[in-house]
Amino acid sequence: MLISGAGWAGDLEHQARLLARKRGIPSVAVLDDWLNYRERFWRDGEEVLPDQHWVADAQAADVAKATIPNVPVLQLPSQSPEQLAQEVEEIRCRIKLTTPYYPAKRLLSLVEPLRDHKCGKPNRAGFEAMIFWLGQMTLLTKSAKIHNKRSEIKLYLRPHPNDPPGKYNFWIKSQTD
């Protein structure tokens, strides 16, 4: 089975669904918001729908059923932010009882390519998110979440598969000069 996202800006997931269909492999598309459901499955005049949609909430399920009625929808069980925070706190408490805590030295940032819906071109939002994230370093250091010596910290940037190679190179260089 193929489980993919339903990104509208790139072709990777669309091509994977197309290949799965050709090979007789069932496919599922995870719809992670409430916008442009039908449009997400069109490329170059061809619609490639999955065999099933998975969604996170009742509103998304309603939109999916109304927009693409011929594809079954499964609403996955979800937790509220409060439930997730409680679960994380319970894990932290268990870990503190058995393991010493060390501030993080290696940080990973997973980048989502944000696009301007009107013209399909990259906008500055992805870079602004990175700038905001780096701006939180002082707070993270003060709260002992990350190491207090900047020279000890390694930041890894994982671009989205739809990002062109080298997209962040100029930004990285501007941050290290």
N, C-alpha and C. Protein backbone atom coordinates (compact mmCIF):
# COMPACT_ATOMS: atom_id res chain seq x y z
N MET A 1 0.83 -1.17 0.00
CA MET A 1 0.00 0.00 0.00
C MET A 1 0.88 1.24 0.00
N LEU A 2 0.46 2.24 -0.77
CA LEU A 2 1.13 3.54 -0.78
C LEU A 2 0.35 4.48 0.13
N ILE A 3 1.04 5.08 1.08
CA ILE A 3 0.45 6.13 1.91
C ILE A 3 1.23 7.40 1.59
N SER A 4 0.52 8.39 1.06
CA SER A 4 1.19 9.63 0.66
C SER A 4 0.45 10.83 1.20
N GLY A 5 1.09 11.97 1.10
CA GLY A 5 0.41 13.23 1.37
C GLY A 5 -0.38 13.60 0.13
N ALA A 6 -0.91 14.82 0.15
CA ALA A 6 -1.68 15.30 -0.99
C ALA A 6 -1.26 16.74 -1.29
N GLY A 7 0.05 16.95 -1.35
CA GLY A 7 0.58 18.28 -1.62
C GLY A 7 0.16 18.77 -2.99
N TRP A 8 -0.16 20.04 -3.08
CA TRP A 8 -0.61 20.59 -4.35
C TRP A 8 0.52 21.28 -5.12
N ALA A 9 1.65 21.52 -4.47
CA ALA A 9 2.70 22.31 -5.11
C ALA A 9 3.70 21.49 -5.91
N GLY A 10 3.83 20.20 -5.63
CA GLY A 10 4.84 19.40 -6.32
C GLY A 10 4.23 18.17 -6.98
N ASP A 11 5.07 17.40 -7.64
CA ASP A 11 4.61 16.23 -8.40
C ASP A 11 4.97 14.90 -7.75
N LEU A 12 5.78 14.89 -6.72
CA LEU A 12 6.29 13.65 -6.15
C LEU A 12 5.15 12.70 -5.73
N GLU A 13 4.21 13.20 -4.96
CA GLU A 13 3.12 12.34 -4.48
C GLU A 13 2.19 11.93 -5.62
N HIS A 14 1.96 12.85 -6.54
CA HIS A 14 1.12 12.55 -7.71
C HIS A 14 1.73 11.42 -8.53
N GLN A 15 3.03 11.51 -8.79
CA GLN A 15 3.71 10.47 -9.56
C GLN A 15 3.70 9.13 -8.82
N ALA A 16 3.81 9.18 -7.50
CA ALA A 16 3.77 7.94 -6.71
C ALA A 16 2.39 7.28 -6.82
N ARG A 17 1.32 8.10 -6.75
CA ARG A 17 -0.04 7.54 -6.90
C ARG A 17 -0.24 6.97 -8.30
N LEU A 18 0.27 7.66 -9.29
CA LEU A 18 0.16 7.18 -10.68
C LEU A 18 0.86 5.83 -10.84
N LEU A 19 2.07 5.72 -10.31
CA LEU A 19 2.83 4.47 -10.38
C LEU A 19 2.11 3.36 -9.61
N ALA A 20 1.58 3.70 -8.43
CA ALA A 20 0.84 2.70 -7.65
C ALA A 20 -0.36 2.19 -8.43
N ARG A 21 -1.09 3.10 -9.07
CA ARG A 21 -2.25 2.69 -9.86
C ARG A 21 -1.84 1.75 -10.99
N LYS A 22 -0.75 2.10 -11.69
CA LYS A 22 -0.27 1.27 -12.81
C LYS A 22 0.14 -0.12 -12.34
N ARG A 23 0.65 -0.22 -11.12
CA ARG A 23 1.13 -1.50 -10.60
C ARG A 23 0.08 -2.24 -9.77
N GLY A 24 -1.12 -1.67 -9.67
CA GLY A 24 -2.18 -2.32 -8.92
C GLY A 24 -1.99 -2.25 -7.41
N ILE A 25 -1.24 -1.25 -6.94
CA ILE A 25 -0.99 -1.07 -5.51
C ILE A 25 -2.03 -0.11 -4.94
N PRO A 26 -2.76 -0.50 -3.90
CA PRO A 26 -3.73 0.41 -3.29
C PRO A 26 -3.03 1.66 -2.75
N SER A 27 -3.70 2.81 -2.84
CA SER A 27 -3.09 4.04 -2.35
C SER A 27 -4.03 4.82 -1.44
N VAL A 28 -3.42 5.49 -0.48
CA VAL A 28 -4.12 6.34 0.48
C VAL A 28 -3.46 7.71 0.42
N ALA A 29 -4.28 8.77 0.42
CA ALA A 29 -3.74 10.13 0.52
C ALA A 29 -4.20 10.72 1.84
N VAL A 30 -3.26 11.26 2.60
CA VAL A 30 -3.55 11.91 3.86
C VAL A 30 -3.82 13.38 3.57
N LEU A 31 -5.01 13.84 3.91
CA LEU A 31 -5.39 15.24 3.70
C LEU A 31 -5.18 15.96 5.02
N ASP A 32 -4.24 16.90 5.03
CA ASP A 32 -3.82 17.51 6.29
C ASP A 32 -4.39 18.91 6.54
N ASP A 33 -5.29 19.37 5.71
CA ASP A 33 -5.97 20.63 5.98
C ASP A 33 -7.34 20.58 5.32
N TRP A 34 -7.99 21.73 5.11
CA TRP A 34 -9.36 21.70 4.61
C TRP A 34 -9.50 22.39 3.26
N LEU A 35 -8.42 22.58 2.52
CA LEU A 35 -8.46 23.39 1.30
C LEU A 35 -8.09 22.62 0.04
N ASN A 36 -8.74 22.98 -1.06
CA ASN A 36 -8.35 22.56 -2.41
C ASN A 36 -8.20 21.05 -2.57
N TYR A 37 -9.11 20.29 -1.99
CA TYR A 37 -8.96 18.83 -2.06
C TYR A 37 -8.92 18.32 -3.50
N ARG A 38 -9.88 18.68 -4.30
CA ARG A 38 -9.93 18.12 -5.66
C ARG A 38 -8.71 18.53 -6.47
N GLU A 39 -8.31 19.79 -6.35
CA GLU A 39 -7.18 20.32 -7.13
C GLU A 39 -5.87 19.61 -6.81
N ARG A 40 -5.75 19.06 -5.62
CA ARG A 40 -4.51 18.39 -5.22
C ARG A 40 -4.20 17.15 -6.06
N PHE A 41 -5.18 16.64 -6.75
CA PHE A 41 -5.00 15.39 -7.49
C PHE A 41 -4.92 15.58 -9.00
N TRP A 42 -4.81 16.83 -9.45
CA TRP A 42 -4.69 17.13 -10.88
C TRP A 42 -3.27 17.59 -11.22
N ARG A 43 -2.71 17.03 -12.26
CA ARG A 43 -1.43 17.49 -12.81
C ARG A 43 -1.51 17.31 -14.32
N ASP A 44 -1.13 18.33 -15.03
CA ASP A 44 -1.07 18.28 -16.51
C ASP A 44 -2.36 17.70 -17.11
N GLY A 45 -3.50 18.16 -16.60
CA GLY A 45 -4.79 17.73 -17.16
C GLY A 45 -5.21 16.33 -16.79
N GLU A 46 -4.52 15.68 -15.87
CA GLU A 46 -4.85 14.31 -15.48
C GLU A 46 -5.13 14.24 -13.98
N GLU A 47 -6.24 13.64 -13.62
CA GLU A 47 -6.59 13.45 -12.22
C GLU A 47 -6.20 12.04 -11.80
N VAL A 48 -5.46 11.94 -10.70
CA VAL A 48 -5.07 10.64 -10.15
C VAL A 48 -5.51 10.62 -8.69
N LEU A 49 -6.67 10.01 -8.46
CA LEU A 49 -7.22 9.92 -7.11
C LEU A 49 -6.70 8.68 -6.40
N PRO A 50 -6.57 8.76 -5.08
CA PRO A 50 -6.19 7.58 -4.31
C PRO A 50 -7.41 6.67 -4.14
N ASP A 51 -7.19 5.50 -3.57
CA ASP A 51 -8.28 4.58 -3.28
C ASP A 51 -9.02 4.97 -2.00
N GLN A 52 -8.35 5.74 -1.15
CA GLN A 52 -8.94 6.16 0.11
C GLN A 52 -8.27 7.44 0.59
N HIS A 53 -9.02 8.27 1.33
CA HIS A 53 -8.47 9.46 1.99
C HIS A 53 -8.44 9.22 3.49
N TRP A 54 -7.38 9.68 4.14
CA TRP A 54 -7.32 9.67 5.59
C TRP A 54 -7.31 11.12 6.04
N VAL A 55 -8.10 11.44 7.05
CA VAL A 55 -8.19 12.80 7.58
C VAL A 55 -8.08 12.77 9.10
N ALA A 56 -7.85 13.94 9.69
CA ALA A 56 -7.63 14.02 11.13
C ALA A 56 -8.84 14.47 11.92
N ASP A 57 -9.86 15.04 11.27
CA ASP A 57 -11.00 15.53 12.04
C ASP A 57 -12.28 15.46 11.22
N ALA A 58 -13.40 15.68 11.92
CA ALA A 58 -14.72 15.56 11.29
C ALA A 58 -14.93 16.60 10.19
N GLN A 59 -14.41 17.81 10.40
CA GLN A 59 -14.57 18.84 9.37
C GLN A 59 -13.86 18.44 8.08
N ALA A 60 -12.66 17.93 8.19
CA ALA A 60 -11.92 17.48 7.01
C ALA A 60 -12.65 16.31 6.34
N ALA A 61 -13.22 15.42 7.14
CA ALA A 61 -13.97 14.29 6.57
C ALA A 61 -15.17 14.79 5.78
N ASP A 62 -15.88 15.76 6.33
CA ASP A 62 -17.04 16.33 5.63
C ASP A 62 -16.63 16.98 4.32
N VAL A 63 -15.55 17.75 4.34
CA VAL A 63 -15.08 18.43 3.13
C VAL A 63 -14.66 17.39 2.09
N ALA A 64 -13.92 16.36 2.51
CA ALA A 64 -13.46 15.33 1.58
C ALA A 64 -14.64 14.59 0.95
N LYS A 65 -15.63 14.24 1.76
CA LYS A 65 -16.80 13.51 1.24
C LYS A 65 -17.59 14.36 0.26
N ALA A 66 -17.70 15.65 0.54
CA ALA A 66 -18.46 16.55 -0.34
C ALA A 66 -17.70 16.87 -1.62
N THR A 67 -16.40 16.99 -1.52
CA THR A 67 -15.57 17.39 -2.66
C THR A 67 -15.26 16.23 -3.59
N ILE A 68 -14.96 15.08 -3.01
CA ILE A 68 -14.59 13.90 -3.81
C ILE A 68 -15.42 12.72 -3.29
N PRO A 69 -16.70 12.69 -3.63
CA PRO A 69 -17.60 11.69 -3.04
C PRO A 69 -17.32 10.24 -3.43
N ASN A 70 -16.59 10.01 -4.50
CA ASN A 70 -16.35 8.65 -4.95
C ASN A 70 -15.12 8.00 -4.30
N VAL A 71 -14.45 8.69 -3.37
CA VAL A 71 -13.30 8.13 -2.66
C VAL A 71 -13.66 7.99 -1.18
N PRO A 72 -13.58 6.77 -0.63
CA PRO A 72 -13.90 6.57 0.79
C PRO A 72 -12.97 7.39 1.70
N VAL A 73 -13.52 7.82 2.83
CA VAL A 73 -12.78 8.65 3.79
C VAL A 73 -12.72 7.94 5.13
N LEU A 74 -11.52 7.89 5.71
CA LEU A 74 -11.33 7.35 7.04
C LEU A 74 -10.84 8.47 7.94
N GLN A 75 -11.59 8.74 9.01
CA GLN A 75 -11.15 9.72 9.99
C GLN A 75 -10.30 9.02 11.03
N LEU A 76 -9.04 9.41 11.11
CA LEU A 76 -8.13 8.77 12.05
C LEU A 76 -8.38 9.29 13.46
N PRO A 77 -8.15 8.47 14.46
CA PRO A 77 -8.32 8.96 15.83
C PRO A 77 -7.28 10.05 16.11
N SER A 78 -7.70 11.08 16.80
CA SER A 78 -6.76 12.16 17.10
C SER A 78 -6.83 12.52 18.56
N GLN A 79 -5.81 13.22 19.01
CA GLN A 79 -5.76 13.66 20.39
C GLN A 79 -5.74 15.18 20.42
N SER A 80 -6.29 15.74 21.46
CA SER A 80 -6.25 17.18 21.61
C SER A 80 -4.83 17.60 21.98
N PRO A 81 -4.48 18.87 21.75
CA PRO A 81 -3.15 19.34 22.16
C PRO A 81 -2.91 19.12 23.66
N GLU A 82 -3.97 19.24 24.46
CA GLU A 82 -3.81 19.03 25.91
C GLU A 82 -3.46 17.57 26.21
N GLN A 83 -4.10 16.63 25.49
CA GLN A 83 -3.80 15.21 25.69
C GLN A 83 -2.36 14.90 25.29
N LEU A 84 -1.94 15.48 24.16
CA LEU A 84 -0.56 15.25 23.71
C LEU A 84 0.44 15.83 24.70
N ALA A 85 0.16 17.04 25.21
CA ALA A 85 1.07 17.68 26.18
C ALA A 85 1.16 16.83 27.45
N GLN A 86 0.04 16.27 27.89
CA GLN A 86 0.04 15.42 29.08
C GLN A 86 0.87 14.17 28.83
N GLU A 87 0.74 13.59 27.65
CA GLU A 87 1.50 12.39 27.30
C GLU A 87 3.00 12.69 27.30
N VAL A 88 3.38 13.81 26.71
CA VAL A 88 4.78 14.21 26.68
C VAL A 88 5.30 14.41 28.10
N GLU A 89 4.52 15.08 28.96
CA GLU A 89 4.93 15.31 30.34
C GLU A 89 5.12 14.01 31.10
N GLU A 90 4.24 13.03 30.86
CA GLU A 90 4.38 11.73 31.51
C GLU A 90 5.67 11.04 31.06
N ILE A 91 5.98 11.13 29.79
CA ILE A 91 7.22 10.54 29.28
C ILE A 91 8.42 11.25 29.90
N ARG A 92 8.36 12.58 29.97
CA ARG A 92 9.47 13.34 30.58
C ARG A 92 9.69 12.90 32.03
N CYS A 93 8.61 12.73 32.76
CA CYS A 93 8.73 12.32 34.17
C CYS A 93 9.37 10.94 34.28
N ARG A 94 8.96 10.01 33.43
CA ARG A 94 9.55 8.67 33.46
C ARG A 94 11.04 8.73 33.12
N ILE A 95 11.38 9.52 32.12
CA ILE A 95 12.78 9.62 31.70
C ILE A 95 13.63 10.24 32.81
N LYS A 96 13.10 11.28 33.47
CA LYS A 96 13.85 11.95 34.55
C LYS A 96 14.15 11.00 35.69
N LEU A 97 13.26 10.04 35.91
CA LEU A 97 13.48 9.09 37.00
C LEU A 97 14.61 8.12 36.69
N THR A 98 14.88 7.89 35.42
CA THR A 98 15.86 6.85 35.07
C THR A 98 17.08 7.38 34.33
N THR A 99 17.00 8.57 33.76
CA THR A 99 18.08 9.05 32.89
C THR A 99 18.41 10.50 33.19
N PRO A 100 19.70 10.83 33.26
CA PRO A 100 20.05 12.24 33.42
C PRO A 100 19.67 13.02 32.15
N TYR A 101 19.33 14.29 32.31
CA TYR A 101 18.93 15.14 31.18
C TYR A 101 20.13 15.93 30.69
N TYR A 102 20.34 15.93 29.37
CA TYR A 102 21.40 16.72 28.77
C TYR A 102 20.77 17.65 27.73
N PRO A 103 21.09 18.93 27.79
CA PRO A 103 20.55 19.85 26.78
C PRO A 103 20.97 19.42 25.37
N ALA A 104 20.09 19.63 24.42
CA ALA A 104 20.34 19.21 23.04
C ALA A 104 21.50 19.99 22.42
N LYS A 105 22.29 19.27 21.64
CA LYS A 105 23.37 19.89 20.86
C LYS A 105 23.08 19.79 19.37
N ARG A 106 22.27 18.84 18.98
CA ARG A 106 21.93 18.66 17.56
C ARG A 106 20.45 18.96 17.36
N LEU A 107 20.17 19.88 16.45
CA LEU A 107 18.80 20.30 16.19
C LEU A 107 18.48 20.05 14.72
N LEU A 108 17.29 19.53 14.46
CA LEU A 108 16.86 19.25 13.11
C LEU A 108 15.65 20.10 12.78
N SER A 109 15.70 20.79 11.66
CA SER A 109 14.57 21.58 11.19
C SER A 109 14.05 20.96 9.90
N LEU A 110 12.78 20.56 9.91
CA LEU A 110 12.13 20.01 8.72
C LEU A 110 11.37 21.14 8.05
N VAL A 111 11.71 21.42 6.81
CA VAL A 111 11.18 22.59 6.13
C VAL A 111 10.00 22.22 5.24
N GLU A 112 8.95 23.01 5.31
CA GLU A 112 7.77 22.85 4.45
C GLU A 112 7.80 23.96 3.41
N PRO A 113 7.75 23.62 2.13
CA PRO A 113 7.80 24.67 1.10
C PRO A 113 6.46 25.39 1.00
N LEU A 114 6.42 26.62 1.44
CA LEU A 114 5.19 27.41 1.36
C LEU A 114 5.17 28.13 0.03
N ARG A 115 4.02 28.21 -0.59
CA ARG A 115 3.88 28.82 -1.90
C ARG A 115 2.78 29.88 -1.86
N ASP A 116 2.88 30.81 -2.77
CA ASP A 116 1.84 31.81 -2.97
C ASP A 116 0.77 31.15 -3.84
N HIS A 117 -0.43 30.96 -3.30
CA HIS A 117 -1.49 30.25 -4.01
C HIS A 117 -1.86 30.92 -5.34
N LYS A 118 -1.67 32.22 -5.46
CA LYS A 118 -2.11 32.91 -6.66
C LYS A 118 -1.21 32.65 -7.85
N CYS A 119 0.08 32.55 -7.61
CA CYS A 119 0.97 32.39 -8.77
C CYS A 119 1.87 31.16 -8.68
N GLY A 120 1.77 30.39 -7.60
CA GLY A 120 2.53 29.15 -7.49
C GLY A 120 4.02 29.34 -7.26
N LYS A 121 4.43 30.56 -6.95
CA LYS A 121 5.86 30.82 -6.74
C LYS A 121 6.19 30.76 -5.26
N PRO A 122 7.44 30.38 -4.93
CA PRO A 122 7.84 30.37 -3.53
C PRO A 122 7.71 31.78 -2.94
N ASN A 123 7.31 31.84 -1.68
CA ASN A 123 7.30 33.14 -1.01
C ASN A 123 8.30 33.13 0.13
N ARG A 124 8.35 34.20 0.88
CA ARG A 124 9.35 34.32 1.94
C ARG A 124 8.93 33.60 3.21
N ALA A 125 7.74 33.05 3.27
CA ALA A 125 7.23 32.48 4.52
C ALA A 125 8.14 31.37 5.05
N GLY A 126 8.69 30.52 4.21
CA GLY A 126 9.58 29.46 4.67
C GLY A 126 10.82 30.01 5.35
N PHE A 127 11.36 31.07 4.80
CA PHE A 127 12.54 31.69 5.38
C PHE A 127 12.18 32.45 6.65
N GLU A 128 11.02 33.09 6.67
CA GLU A 128 10.59 33.80 7.87
C GLU A 128 10.38 32.83 9.02
N ALA A 129 9.87 31.63 8.72
CA ALA A 129 9.71 30.62 9.76
C ALA A 129 11.07 30.21 10.32
N MET A 130 12.06 30.04 9.47
CA MET A 130 13.42 29.69 9.93
C MET A 130 14.00 30.82 10.78
N ILE A 131 13.80 32.06 10.36
CA ILE A 131 14.31 33.20 11.12
C ILE A 131 13.65 33.25 12.49
N PHE A 132 12.34 33.03 12.53
CA PHE A 132 11.63 33.00 13.81
C PHE A 132 12.19 31.88 14.69
N TRP A 133 12.36 30.68 14.10
CA TRP A 133 12.85 29.54 14.86
C TRP A 133 14.22 29.83 15.46
N LEU A 134 15.11 30.38 14.67
CA LEU A 134 16.44 30.72 15.19
C LEU A 134 16.36 31.79 16.26
N GLY A 135 15.38 32.68 16.14
CA GLY A 135 15.19 33.71 17.16
C GLY A 135 14.79 33.15 18.51
N GLN A 136 14.35 31.91 18.55
CA GLN A 136 13.94 31.28 19.81
C GLN A 136 15.12 30.63 20.53
N MET A 137 16.31 30.66 19.92
CA MET A 137 17.47 29.99 20.50
C MET A 137 17.79 30.50 21.91
N THR A 138 17.70 31.80 22.13
CA THR A 138 18.01 32.35 23.45
C THR A 138 17.05 31.79 24.50
N LEU A 139 15.77 31.78 24.18
CA LEU A 139 14.77 31.23 25.10
C LEU A 139 15.03 29.75 25.36
N LEU A 140 15.34 29.00 24.32
CA LEU A 140 15.61 27.57 24.47
C LEU A 140 16.87 27.32 25.30
N THR A 141 17.85 28.19 25.15
CA THR A 141 19.08 28.07 25.94
C THR A 141 18.79 28.37 27.41
N LYS A 142 18.06 29.46 27.66
CA LYS A 142 17.73 29.84 29.05
C LYS A 142 16.92 28.76 29.75
N SER A 143 16.07 28.08 29.02
CA SER A 143 15.25 27.03 29.63
C SER A 143 15.98 25.68 29.67
N ALA A 144 17.24 25.68 29.27
CA ALA A 144 18.10 24.49 29.28
C ALA A 144 17.61 23.39 28.35
N LYS A 145 16.85 23.76 27.31
CA LYS A 145 16.41 22.77 26.33
C LYS A 145 17.53 22.48 25.33
N ILE A 146 18.35 23.50 25.05
CA ILE A 146 19.50 23.30 24.16
C ILE A 146 20.76 23.76 24.87
N HIS A 147 21.88 23.30 24.39
CA HIS A 147 23.18 23.59 24.99
C HIS A 147 23.42 25.09 25.03
N ASN A 148 24.08 25.56 26.09
CA ASN A 148 24.28 27.00 26.24
C ASN A 148 25.48 27.56 25.48
N LYS A 149 26.30 26.73 24.88
CA LYS A 149 27.41 27.22 24.06
C LYS A 149 27.02 27.08 22.60
N ARG A 150 26.88 28.22 21.94
CA ARG A 150 26.44 28.20 20.54
C ARG A 150 27.40 27.41 19.65
N SER A 151 28.68 27.44 19.99
CA SER A 151 29.66 26.71 19.18
C SER A 151 29.48 25.20 19.27
N GLU A 152 28.77 24.73 20.31
CA GLU A 152 28.51 23.30 20.49
C GLU A 152 27.27 22.82 19.71
N ILE A 153 26.45 23.76 19.25
CA ILE A 153 25.17 23.40 18.63
C ILE A 153 25.36 23.17 17.13
N LYS A 154 24.78 22.09 16.65
CA LYS A 154 24.77 21.82 15.21
C LYS A 154 23.31 21.83 14.75
N LEU A 155 23.03 22.65 13.75
CA LEU A 155 21.69 22.76 13.21
C LEU A 155 21.66 22.07 11.85
N TYR A 156 20.76 21.11 11.71
CA TYR A 156 20.59 20.38 10.45
C TYR A 156 19.29 20.85 9.81
N LEU A 157 19.37 21.15 8.55
CA LEU A 157 18.22 21.62 7.79
C LEU A 157 17.83 20.54 6.79
N ARG A 158 16.61 20.05 6.89
CA ARG A 158 16.12 19.02 5.98
C ARG A 158 15.06 19.64 5.07
N PRO A 159 15.45 20.04 3.86
CA PRO A 159 14.48 20.62 2.94
C PRO A 159 13.40 19.60 2.56
N HIS A 160 12.29 20.11 2.14
CA HIS A 160 11.19 19.28 1.64
C HIS A 160 11.61 18.67 0.30
N PRO A 161 11.18 17.46 -0.03
CA PRO A 161 11.56 16.85 -1.32
C PRO A 161 11.16 17.70 -2.54
N ASN A 162 10.15 18.55 -2.41
CA ASN A 162 9.75 19.41 -3.53
C ASN A 162 10.59 20.67 -3.65
N ASP A 163 11.44 20.95 -2.66
CA ASP A 163 12.30 22.13 -2.75
C ASP A 163 13.40 21.90 -3.78
N PRO A 164 13.71 22.91 -4.58
CA PRO A 164 14.81 22.74 -5.52
C PRO A 164 16.14 22.63 -4.78
N PRO A 165 17.09 21.86 -5.33
CA PRO A 165 18.40 21.74 -4.69
C PRO A 165 19.04 23.12 -4.48
N GLY A 166 19.61 23.32 -3.30
CA GLY A 166 20.31 24.57 -3.02
C GLY A 166 19.41 25.74 -2.65
N LYS A 167 18.11 25.51 -2.48
CA LYS A 167 17.18 26.61 -2.20
C LYS A 167 17.61 27.44 -1.00
N TYR A 168 18.12 26.80 0.03
CA TYR A 168 18.44 27.51 1.28
C TYR A 168 19.91 27.92 1.38
N ASN A 169 20.72 27.64 0.37
CA ASN A 169 22.15 27.92 0.45
C ASN A 169 22.45 29.38 0.75
N PHE A 170 21.78 30.31 0.03
CA PHE A 170 22.09 31.72 0.25
C PHE A 170 21.68 32.14 1.66
N TRP A 171 20.58 31.59 2.15
CA TRP A 171 20.12 31.94 3.49
C TRP A 171 21.08 31.40 4.55
N ILE A 172 21.54 30.16 4.40
CA ILE A 172 22.50 29.58 5.33
C ILE A 172 23.77 30.40 5.36
N LYS A 173 24.24 30.77 4.18
CA LYS A 173 25.47 31.59 4.11
C LYS A 173 25.27 32.93 4.82
N SER A 174 24.12 33.54 4.66
CA SER A 174 23.86 34.84 5.32
C SER A 174 23.82 34.70 6.83
N GLN A 175 23.48 33.53 7.34
CA GLN A 175 23.41 33.32 8.79
C GLN A 175 24.77 32.99 9.40
N THR A 176 25.70 32.52 8.57
CA THR A 176 26.99 32.10 9.11
C THR A 176 28.09 33.12 8.86
N ASP A 177 27.80 34.13 8.05
CA ASP A 177 28.83 35.17 7.80
C ASP A 177 28.99 36.11 8.97
